[in-house]
Amino acid sequence: MVSYAAMTAADLDRVVSAEARSHPFPWTRGHFADSLAAGHDALVAREDGEMIGYAVTMLILDEAHLLDITVLPELQRQGRGTQILLYLLSRARQEGAARMLLEVRASNGAAQAVYLKQGFVIIGRRPGYYSVRSAATGVGTQREDAIVMACKL
């Protein structure tokens, strides 16, 4: 069974390590610390006491913005991301949000499919939103579009 708890400074080492293994351009410790300091809704998902993922959302008026959602790489494609997302949608609804927004890499078809299945629709595109690592240099010299999605709550 998955349990959820507020992310704390004590979780940051594990979260930052998982983030680095999960994303080509991961959030830094500073990003997570800033989110905690700003009062964003940051949580850690655990199964049998072990972290399986985490998420950060921000509530602005009646809109929840999903800033980061991650399942540990070795646990992906087993439904845990959907489970965390459903929890976040329910939580945003309880907090009075009328919709949830997010950006996802245009190349991340798997994530887009999960979001579409849970009621998100594509509402826009942000050109050049994400950095892309060059295969030759490993440096983020190119840019990738973000797909903007929204879900009515």
N, C-alpha and C. Protein backbone atom coordinates (compact mmCIF):
# COMPACT_ATOMS: atom_id res chain seq x y z
N MET A 1 0.84 -1.18 0.00
CA MET A 1 0.00 0.00 0.00
C MET A 1 0.89 1.25 0.00
N VAL A 2 0.50 2.23 -0.79
CA VAL A 2 1.27 3.46 -0.89
C VAL A 2 0.78 4.44 0.17
N SER A 3 1.73 5.06 0.86
CA SER A 3 1.41 6.12 1.81
C SER A 3 2.11 7.40 1.35
N TYR A 4 1.57 8.52 1.78
CA TYR A 4 2.09 9.81 1.36
C TYR A 4 2.40 10.65 2.58
N ALA A 5 3.51 11.37 2.53
CA ALA A 5 3.89 12.26 3.62
C ALA A 5 4.51 13.52 3.03
N ALA A 6 4.40 14.59 3.76
CA ALA A 6 5.03 15.84 3.32
C ALA A 6 6.53 15.63 3.19
N MET A 7 7.09 16.13 2.10
CA MET A 7 8.53 16.09 1.91
C MET A 7 9.16 17.06 2.92
N THR A 8 10.25 16.62 3.52
CA THR A 8 10.98 17.48 4.47
C THR A 8 12.43 17.57 4.03
N ALA A 9 13.17 18.44 4.70
CA ALA A 9 14.60 18.58 4.40
C ALA A 9 15.33 17.25 4.58
N ALA A 10 14.85 16.41 5.49
CA ALA A 10 15.48 15.11 5.73
C ALA A 10 15.33 14.17 4.52
N ASP A 11 14.36 14.43 3.64
CA ASP A 11 14.15 13.60 2.45
C ASP A 11 15.00 14.04 1.27
N LEU A 12 15.59 15.22 1.33
CA LEU A 12 16.21 15.82 0.14
C LEU A 12 17.34 15.00 -0.46
N ASP A 13 18.19 14.37 0.34
CA ASP A 13 19.29 13.58 -0.22
C ASP A 13 18.74 12.46 -1.11
N ARG A 14 17.75 11.73 -0.63
CA ARG A 14 17.18 10.62 -1.40
C ARG A 14 16.42 11.14 -2.62
N VAL A 15 15.69 12.24 -2.46
CA VAL A 15 14.93 12.81 -3.56
C VAL A 15 15.86 13.32 -4.66
N VAL A 16 16.90 14.05 -4.28
CA VAL A 16 17.84 14.59 -5.26
C VAL A 16 18.58 13.46 -5.98
N SER A 17 18.93 12.42 -5.25
CA SER A 17 19.58 11.27 -5.88
C SER A 17 18.66 10.60 -6.89
N ALA A 18 17.41 10.40 -6.52
CA ALA A 18 16.43 9.79 -7.43
C ALA A 18 16.18 10.69 -8.63
N GLU A 19 16.11 11.98 -8.39
CA GLU A 19 15.88 12.95 -9.47
C GLU A 19 17.01 12.87 -10.50
N ALA A 20 18.25 12.78 -10.02
CA ALA A 20 19.41 12.71 -10.92
C ALA A 20 19.40 11.45 -11.77
N ARG A 21 18.88 10.37 -11.21
CA ARG A 21 18.81 9.10 -11.95
C ARG A 21 17.62 9.06 -12.91
N SER A 22 16.66 9.96 -12.72
CA SER A 22 15.39 9.87 -13.44
C SER A 22 15.24 10.84 -14.60
N HIS A 23 15.98 11.93 -14.58
CA HIS A 23 15.75 12.99 -15.56
C HIS A 23 17.05 13.46 -16.20
N PRO A 24 17.02 13.78 -17.48
CA PRO A 24 18.24 14.27 -18.14
C PRO A 24 18.68 15.64 -17.62
N PHE A 25 17.75 16.46 -17.19
CA PHE A 25 18.05 17.76 -16.59
C PHE A 25 17.31 17.84 -15.26
N PRO A 26 17.87 17.19 -14.23
CA PRO A 26 17.15 17.09 -12.95
C PRO A 26 17.08 18.40 -12.19
N TRP A 27 16.06 18.47 -11.35
CA TRP A 27 16.00 19.56 -10.38
C TRP A 27 17.20 19.39 -9.44
N THR A 28 17.68 20.50 -8.94
CA THR A 28 18.78 20.48 -7.98
C THR A 28 18.22 20.45 -6.56
N ARG A 29 19.10 20.25 -5.63
CA ARG A 29 18.71 20.34 -4.22
C ARG A 29 18.09 21.71 -3.94
N GLY A 30 18.65 22.75 -4.56
CA GLY A 30 18.14 24.09 -4.38
C GLY A 30 16.71 24.25 -4.87
N HIS A 31 16.38 23.61 -5.98
CA HIS A 31 15.01 23.66 -6.48
C HIS A 31 14.03 23.08 -5.46
N PHE A 32 14.38 21.92 -4.93
CA PHE A 32 13.50 21.28 -3.95
C PHE A 32 13.44 22.09 -2.66
N ALA A 33 14.59 22.58 -2.20
CA ALA A 33 14.62 23.38 -0.97
C ALA A 33 13.79 24.66 -1.15
N ASP A 34 13.90 25.29 -2.31
CA ASP A 34 13.10 26.48 -2.59
C ASP A 34 11.62 26.16 -2.59
N SER A 35 11.25 25.02 -3.15
CA SER A 35 9.83 24.62 -3.16
C SER A 35 9.31 24.41 -1.75
N LEU A 36 10.13 23.78 -0.91
CA LEU A 36 9.72 23.59 0.49
C LEU A 36 9.58 24.93 1.19
N ALA A 37 10.56 25.82 0.97
CA ALA A 37 10.53 27.14 1.62
C ALA A 37 9.34 27.97 1.15
N ALA A 38 8.94 27.79 -0.12
CA ALA A 38 7.82 28.56 -0.67
C ALA A 38 6.47 28.00 -0.24
N GLY A 39 6.49 26.83 0.41
CA GLY A 39 5.24 26.23 0.86
C GLY A 39 4.50 25.45 -0.21
N HIS A 40 5.21 25.08 -1.28
CA HIS A 40 4.58 24.24 -2.28
C HIS A 40 4.23 22.89 -1.67
N ASP A 41 3.26 22.24 -2.25
CA ASP A 41 2.82 20.94 -1.75
C ASP A 41 3.78 19.88 -2.28
N ALA A 42 4.78 19.55 -1.50
CA ALA A 42 5.78 18.55 -1.88
C ALA A 42 5.56 17.32 -1.02
N LEU A 43 5.51 16.16 -1.68
CA LEU A 43 5.26 14.94 -0.93
C LEU A 43 6.15 13.81 -1.40
N VAL A 44 6.30 12.85 -0.53
CA VAL A 44 7.04 11.63 -0.82
C VAL A 44 6.06 10.48 -0.73
N ALA A 45 6.10 9.61 -1.74
CA ALA A 45 5.27 8.40 -1.74
C ALA A 45 6.14 7.24 -1.28
N ARG A 46 5.59 6.45 -0.36
CA ARG A 46 6.34 5.31 0.17
C ARG A 46 5.50 4.03 0.07
N GLU A 47 6.22 2.94 -0.11
CA GLU A 47 5.61 1.62 -0.11
C GLU A 47 6.44 0.78 0.85
N ASP A 48 5.81 0.20 1.84
CA ASP A 48 6.53 -0.56 2.87
C ASP A 48 7.66 0.26 3.48
N GLY A 49 7.41 1.56 3.67
CA GLY A 49 8.37 2.45 4.31
C GLY A 49 9.48 2.97 3.40
N GLU A 50 9.55 2.46 2.17
CA GLU A 50 10.61 2.87 1.25
C GLU A 50 10.07 3.85 0.22
N MET A 51 10.84 4.89 -0.07
CA MET A 51 10.41 5.88 -1.06
C MET A 51 10.31 5.23 -2.45
N ILE A 52 9.16 5.44 -3.08
CA ILE A 52 8.97 4.95 -4.45
C ILE A 52 8.84 6.11 -5.43
N GLY A 53 8.60 7.31 -4.92
CA GLY A 53 8.46 8.47 -5.78
C GLY A 53 8.16 9.71 -4.97
N TYR A 54 7.95 10.80 -5.69
CA TYR A 54 7.70 12.09 -5.03
C TYR A 54 7.05 13.02 -6.04
N ALA A 55 6.52 14.11 -5.54
CA ALA A 55 5.87 15.08 -6.42
C ALA A 55 5.88 16.44 -5.74
N VAL A 56 5.82 17.47 -6.59
CA VAL A 56 5.72 18.84 -6.11
C VAL A 56 4.62 19.53 -6.91
N THR A 57 3.66 20.10 -6.22
CA THR A 57 2.61 20.89 -6.86
C THR A 57 2.57 22.26 -6.21
N MET A 58 2.02 23.19 -6.95
CA MET A 58 1.88 24.56 -6.47
C MET A 58 0.44 24.97 -6.72
N LEU A 59 -0.21 25.50 -5.71
CA LEU A 59 -1.59 25.96 -5.84
C LEU A 59 -1.59 27.48 -5.96
N ILE A 60 -2.15 27.98 -7.06
CA ILE A 60 -2.29 29.42 -7.27
C ILE A 60 -3.77 29.67 -7.53
N LEU A 61 -4.39 30.37 -6.59
CA LEU A 61 -5.83 30.61 -6.64
C LEU A 61 -6.55 29.29 -6.80
N ASP A 62 -7.21 29.06 -7.93
CA ASP A 62 -7.96 27.80 -8.09
C ASP A 62 -7.30 26.86 -9.10
N GLU A 63 -5.99 27.03 -9.31
CA GLU A 63 -5.26 26.14 -10.22
C GLU A 63 -4.10 25.47 -9.51
N ALA A 64 -4.02 24.17 -9.67
CA ALA A 64 -2.87 23.42 -9.17
C ALA A 64 -1.94 23.21 -10.36
N HIS A 65 -0.66 23.45 -10.14
CA HIS A 65 0.33 23.25 -11.20
C HIS A 65 1.26 22.13 -10.76
N LEU A 66 1.29 21.06 -11.53
CA LEU A 66 2.17 19.93 -11.23
C LEU A 66 3.56 20.29 -11.73
N LEU A 67 4.49 20.49 -10.81
CA LEU A 67 5.84 20.93 -11.15
C LEU A 67 6.78 19.76 -11.37
N ASP A 68 6.62 18.69 -10.61
CA ASP A 68 7.51 17.53 -10.72
C ASP A 68 6.76 16.32 -10.17
N ILE A 69 6.81 15.25 -10.92
CA ILE A 69 6.29 13.96 -10.44
C ILE A 69 7.27 12.91 -10.94
N THR A 70 7.74 12.09 -10.03
CA THR A 70 8.77 11.12 -10.39
C THR A 70 8.55 9.82 -9.63
N VAL A 71 8.69 8.73 -10.35
CA VAL A 71 8.74 7.39 -9.76
C VAL A 71 10.17 6.91 -9.96
N LEU A 72 10.74 6.27 -8.96
CA LEU A 72 12.11 5.78 -9.08
C LEU A 72 12.24 4.95 -10.36
N PRO A 73 13.32 5.11 -11.10
CA PRO A 73 13.46 4.46 -12.41
C PRO A 73 13.21 2.95 -12.37
N GLU A 74 13.69 2.28 -11.34
CA GLU A 74 13.53 0.82 -11.27
C GLU A 74 12.10 0.39 -10.97
N LEU A 75 11.24 1.33 -10.63
CA LEU A 75 9.84 1.01 -10.29
C LEU A 75 8.85 1.56 -11.31
N GLN A 76 9.36 2.15 -12.39
CA GLN A 76 8.48 2.73 -13.40
C GLN A 76 7.78 1.64 -14.20
N ARG A 77 6.70 2.06 -14.86
CA ARG A 77 5.89 1.21 -15.75
C ARG A 77 5.19 0.08 -15.00
N GLN A 78 4.84 0.36 -13.73
CA GLN A 78 4.11 -0.61 -12.91
C GLN A 78 2.84 0.00 -12.31
N GLY A 79 2.46 1.20 -12.80
CA GLY A 79 1.25 1.84 -12.34
C GLY A 79 1.42 2.79 -11.17
N ARG A 80 2.64 2.90 -10.63
CA ARG A 80 2.84 3.75 -9.47
C ARG A 80 2.70 5.23 -9.81
N GLY A 81 3.14 5.63 -11.00
CA GLY A 81 2.98 7.02 -11.42
C GLY A 81 1.53 7.42 -11.49
N THR A 82 0.71 6.53 -12.04
CA THR A 82 -0.73 6.79 -12.11
C THR A 82 -1.31 6.90 -10.72
N GLN A 83 -0.88 6.03 -9.83
CA GLN A 83 -1.35 6.04 -8.44
C GLN A 83 -1.03 7.38 -7.77
N ILE A 84 0.20 7.85 -7.95
CA ILE A 84 0.60 9.13 -7.36
C ILE A 84 -0.19 10.26 -7.99
N LEU A 85 -0.35 10.23 -9.31
CA LEU A 85 -1.11 11.27 -10.00
C LEU A 85 -2.55 11.34 -9.50
N LEU A 86 -3.20 10.20 -9.34
CA LEU A 86 -4.58 10.18 -8.86
C LEU A 86 -4.67 10.78 -7.45
N TYR A 87 -3.67 10.49 -6.62
CA TYR A 87 -3.64 11.08 -5.29
C TYR A 87 -3.51 12.60 -5.39
N LEU A 88 -2.63 13.08 -6.27
CA LEU A 88 -2.43 14.52 -6.43
C LEU A 88 -3.70 15.21 -6.94
N LEU A 89 -4.39 14.58 -7.87
CA LEU A 89 -5.64 15.15 -8.39
C LEU A 89 -6.68 15.25 -7.27
N SER A 90 -6.79 14.21 -6.47
CA SER A 90 -7.74 14.22 -5.37
C SER A 90 -7.38 15.30 -4.35
N ARG A 91 -6.11 15.39 -4.05
CA ARG A 91 -5.64 16.38 -3.07
C ARG A 91 -5.89 17.80 -3.58
N ALA A 92 -5.62 18.05 -4.85
CA ALA A 92 -5.85 19.38 -5.43
C ALA A 92 -7.34 19.73 -5.39
N ARG A 93 -8.17 18.75 -5.68
CA ARG A 93 -9.62 18.95 -5.64
C ARG A 93 -10.05 19.33 -4.22
N GLN A 94 -9.52 18.63 -3.22
CA GLN A 94 -9.85 18.92 -1.82
C GLN A 94 -9.39 20.31 -1.40
N GLU A 95 -8.32 20.79 -2.02
CA GLU A 95 -7.79 22.12 -1.68
C GLU A 95 -8.49 23.23 -2.46
N GLY A 96 -9.50 22.88 -3.25
CA GLY A 96 -10.28 23.88 -3.95
C GLY A 96 -9.84 24.21 -5.35
N ALA A 97 -8.92 23.45 -5.91
CA ALA A 97 -8.47 23.71 -7.28
C ALA A 97 -9.56 23.29 -8.26
N ALA A 98 -9.75 24.09 -9.30
CA ALA A 98 -10.72 23.78 -10.35
C ALA A 98 -10.08 22.99 -11.49
N ARG A 99 -8.73 23.12 -11.61
CA ARG A 99 -8.03 22.34 -12.63
C ARG A 99 -6.57 22.20 -12.26
N MET A 100 -5.93 21.22 -12.88
CA MET A 100 -4.50 21.01 -12.71
C MET A 100 -3.84 21.21 -14.06
N LEU A 101 -2.70 21.89 -14.04
CA LEU A 101 -1.90 22.14 -15.24
C LEU A 101 -0.55 21.47 -15.10
N LEU A 102 0.08 21.17 -16.23
CA LEU A 102 1.43 20.63 -16.24
C LEU A 102 2.07 20.85 -17.60
N GLU A 103 3.40 20.74 -17.62
CA GLU A 103 4.15 20.68 -18.87
C GLU A 103 4.85 19.34 -18.90
N VAL A 104 4.95 18.78 -20.10
CA VAL A 104 5.62 17.50 -20.30
C VAL A 104 6.41 17.59 -21.60
N ARG A 105 7.57 16.96 -21.63
CA ARG A 105 8.39 16.98 -22.84
C ARG A 105 7.58 16.45 -24.03
N ALA A 106 7.73 17.09 -25.16
CA ALA A 106 7.04 16.65 -26.37
C ALA A 106 7.43 15.22 -26.74
N SER A 107 8.66 14.82 -26.39
CA SER A 107 9.14 13.47 -26.71
C SER A 107 8.68 12.42 -25.71
N ASN A 108 8.06 12.81 -24.62
CA ASN A 108 7.68 11.86 -23.57
C ASN A 108 6.25 11.36 -23.79
N GLY A 109 6.11 10.53 -24.81
CA GLY A 109 4.80 9.99 -25.16
C GLY A 109 4.19 9.12 -24.07
N ALA A 110 5.02 8.40 -23.33
CA ALA A 110 4.50 7.53 -22.26
C ALA A 110 3.81 8.36 -21.19
N ALA A 111 4.45 9.45 -20.76
CA ALA A 111 3.84 10.30 -19.74
C ALA A 111 2.58 10.97 -20.29
N GLN A 112 2.64 11.43 -21.52
CA GLN A 112 1.45 12.05 -22.12
C GLN A 112 0.29 11.08 -22.14
N ALA A 113 0.55 9.83 -22.45
CA ALA A 113 -0.52 8.82 -22.49
C ALA A 113 -1.14 8.64 -21.12
N VAL A 114 -0.32 8.62 -20.06
CA VAL A 114 -0.84 8.50 -18.69
C VAL A 114 -1.73 9.69 -18.38
N TYR A 115 -1.27 10.89 -18.70
CA TYR A 115 -2.05 12.09 -18.41
C TYR A 115 -3.36 12.10 -19.19
N LEU A 116 -3.31 11.75 -20.47
CA LEU A 116 -4.54 11.71 -21.29
C LEU A 116 -5.54 10.72 -20.71
N LYS A 117 -5.05 9.57 -20.28
CA LYS A 117 -5.92 8.53 -19.72
C LYS A 117 -6.61 9.01 -18.44
N GLN A 118 -5.97 9.94 -17.72
CA GLN A 118 -6.54 10.44 -16.46
C GLN A 118 -7.33 11.74 -16.65
N GLY A 119 -7.64 12.08 -17.89
CA GLY A 119 -8.53 13.21 -18.15
C GLY A 119 -7.86 14.51 -18.54
N PHE A 120 -6.55 14.52 -18.68
CA PHE A 120 -5.87 15.73 -19.14
C PHE A 120 -6.10 15.90 -20.63
N VAL A 121 -6.11 17.13 -21.07
CA VAL A 121 -6.18 17.46 -22.50
C VAL A 121 -5.03 18.40 -22.82
N ILE A 122 -4.60 18.36 -24.06
CA ILE A 122 -3.53 19.25 -24.51
C ILE A 122 -4.14 20.62 -24.76
N ILE A 123 -3.55 21.65 -24.13
CA ILE A 123 -4.08 23.00 -24.31
C ILE A 123 -3.06 23.95 -24.94
N GLY A 124 -1.84 23.48 -25.15
CA GLY A 124 -0.86 24.36 -25.76
C GLY A 124 0.50 23.71 -25.88
N ARG A 125 1.43 24.51 -26.35
CA ARG A 125 2.81 24.07 -26.57
C ARG A 125 3.72 25.24 -26.23
N ARG A 126 4.81 24.95 -25.50
CA ARG A 126 5.79 25.97 -25.17
C ARG A 126 7.06 25.64 -25.97
N PRO A 127 7.31 26.38 -27.04
CA PRO A 127 8.50 26.10 -27.88
C PRO A 127 9.80 26.29 -27.09
N GLY A 128 10.72 25.33 -27.24
CA GLY A 128 12.04 25.44 -26.63
C GLY A 128 12.06 25.49 -25.12
N TYR A 129 11.08 24.91 -24.47
CA TYR A 129 10.93 24.99 -23.01
C TYR A 129 12.01 24.19 -22.27
N TYR A 130 12.36 23.01 -22.78
CA TYR A 130 13.30 22.12 -22.11
C TYR A 130 14.64 22.08 -22.83
N SER A 131 15.71 21.90 -22.06
CA SER A 131 17.03 21.65 -22.63
C SER A 131 17.12 20.18 -23.05
N VAL A 132 17.95 19.93 -24.06
CA VAL A 132 18.20 18.57 -24.53
C VAL A 132 19.71 18.40 -24.60
N ARG A 133 20.20 17.29 -24.07
CA ARG A 133 21.64 17.03 -24.10
C ARG A 133 22.06 16.61 -25.51
N SER A 134 23.14 17.19 -25.95
CA SER A 134 23.74 16.80 -27.23
C SER A 134 24.37 15.43 -27.06
N ALA A 135 24.12 14.54 -28.00
CA ALA A 135 24.72 13.20 -27.93
C ALA A 135 26.23 13.28 -28.04
N ALA A 136 26.73 14.26 -28.79
CA ALA A 136 28.17 14.38 -29.00
C ALA A 136 28.88 14.98 -27.79
N THR A 137 28.29 16.01 -27.19
CA THR A 137 29.00 16.73 -26.12
C THR A 137 28.45 16.48 -24.73
N GLY A 138 27.20 16.01 -24.64
CA GLY A 138 26.58 15.82 -23.34
C GLY A 138 26.09 17.12 -22.72
N VAL A 139 26.20 18.20 -23.47
CA VAL A 139 25.80 19.52 -22.99
C VAL A 139 24.43 19.87 -23.54
N GLY A 140 23.67 20.64 -22.78
CA GLY A 140 22.33 21.04 -23.20
C GLY A 140 22.35 22.21 -24.17
N THR A 141 22.66 21.92 -25.42
CA THR A 141 22.75 22.98 -26.42
C THR A 141 21.50 23.12 -27.27
N GLN A 142 20.65 22.12 -27.24
CA GLN A 142 19.43 22.15 -28.03
C GLN A 142 18.24 22.34 -27.10
N ARG A 143 17.09 22.62 -27.68
CA ARG A 143 15.87 22.84 -26.91
C ARG A 143 14.78 21.92 -27.43
N GLU A 144 13.84 21.57 -26.53
CA GLU A 144 12.70 20.73 -26.87
C GLU A 144 11.43 21.43 -26.38
N ASP A 145 10.37 21.29 -27.16
CA ASP A 145 9.09 21.88 -26.79
C ASP A 145 8.47 21.14 -25.61
N ALA A 146 7.63 21.87 -24.89
CA ALA A 146 6.81 21.28 -23.84
C ALA A 146 5.38 21.26 -24.32
N ILE A 147 4.68 20.20 -24.01
CA ILE A 147 3.25 20.11 -24.25
C ILE A 147 2.58 20.55 -22.94
N VAL A 148 1.66 21.51 -23.04
CA VAL A 148 0.93 21.99 -21.87
C VAL A 148 -0.38 21.24 -21.81
N MET A 149 -0.67 20.66 -20.65
CA MET A 149 -1.88 19.87 -20.48
C MET A 149 -2.65 20.38 -19.26
N ALA A 150 -3.95 20.17 -19.29
CA ALA A 150 -4.81 20.59 -18.17
C ALA A 150 -5.88 19.53 -17.94
N CYS A 151 -6.32 19.44 -16.69
CA CYS A 151 -7.38 18.52 -16.31
C CYS A 151 -8.35 19.26 -15.41
N LYS A 152 -9.63 19.25 -15.79
CA LYS A 152 -10.66 19.84 -14.93
C LYS A 152 -10.85 18.94 -13.73
N LEU A 153 -10.99 19.57 -12.58
CA LEU A 153 -11.18 18.81 -11.35
C LEU A 153 -12.62 18.93 -10.90
